[in-house]
Amino acid sequence: MAAPVEKGNVITAIVYDFETGGLDCTVCAATQISLHAIRLDTFEVMEKYAAYIYPYHKKSEIGKPKRKVLKNKYEDDGEELMDYDEKALKYSNITMDMLYSMGKPLEDVCQEICDFIKRNTFPVVASNKPFMIGQNPLFDKKFMQQIMLYSGLWPEFCKLVRGEKDFWGNFQPAQLDTIILSQLTFDNDKSITTWKLEAMAERLGIDLDDAHDADADVTATREIVRVLTARMREQSSGGGNAVGSLSAEKKEKLRDHFKI
């Protein structure tokens, strides 16, 4: 369901996750992506998107899409295929046969991602554009940059999401990391020894049916944010100054130090 026309600052978050053919975004392929668009006032899931990505080649000229010849096929100009490490594929239960039979062309996936974000963005001021949420999204961000640059759609993507340019003038999307959110919530619980998605989902009673599938991971990530946010909102509305409360203890303001 696309975002309805509605005035006000209703903020959208895009929860996302990649499965990849390895850890190095400069040589390894993205194999699967999933995105869920949620509105933060109600945590309604407005729309979901998931796709396998057809195997693609390394590019020497970044930002120029490769010319398609046939559906799901590209002209073979001698370029080297991106890396698809066997261990990485096994980790995510993805095979090359699946990618060749079920994958979408990279350029189509990237355009669909941009269209997905547009459809689920409410009329808001620029500072309240959608932002990205992920479990260790520093990893996923690199692959988002890779595929958008490869498809020539990085400038369009940058206009759609919240972020800032860094010292070098490169756009950096704003991201919320559920690992950090979990650490803020549970670091006082010394029984927790890992911040992995599976562990946090179990700790919060969230089902994770198929770990290391992009869509299942996004569902679990989204639910972690929803549960922890609900706890914060409950504490905020309840008031008080106990440990863990979101209301600071008010102290009487003394102006003795201003007296002459």
Foldseek 3Di string as FASTA:
>chain_A
DFDDADDDQFFKAKEKDWQWLDQDLQFIATFKMKIWIATPVVRDGPDIDIFGAAWDFHDPQWQAEADDDDFSDGDCPPGHTGHRHPVSCVLQVHDNVCNSVGHHYLLVVLVVVLVRLVRHFYPDPLQRAYAYEYAPCVRVVSNNVSSCRNNNNPVSVLSRADFDQDPVRHTDTDYDHLLVVVCVVCVVPVVDDDSDLVVLCVVVVHDQPRPSHTVSRSVSRSVSVVVSVVVQVVLAVVDDPDVPHPHHDDDDDDDVVVDD
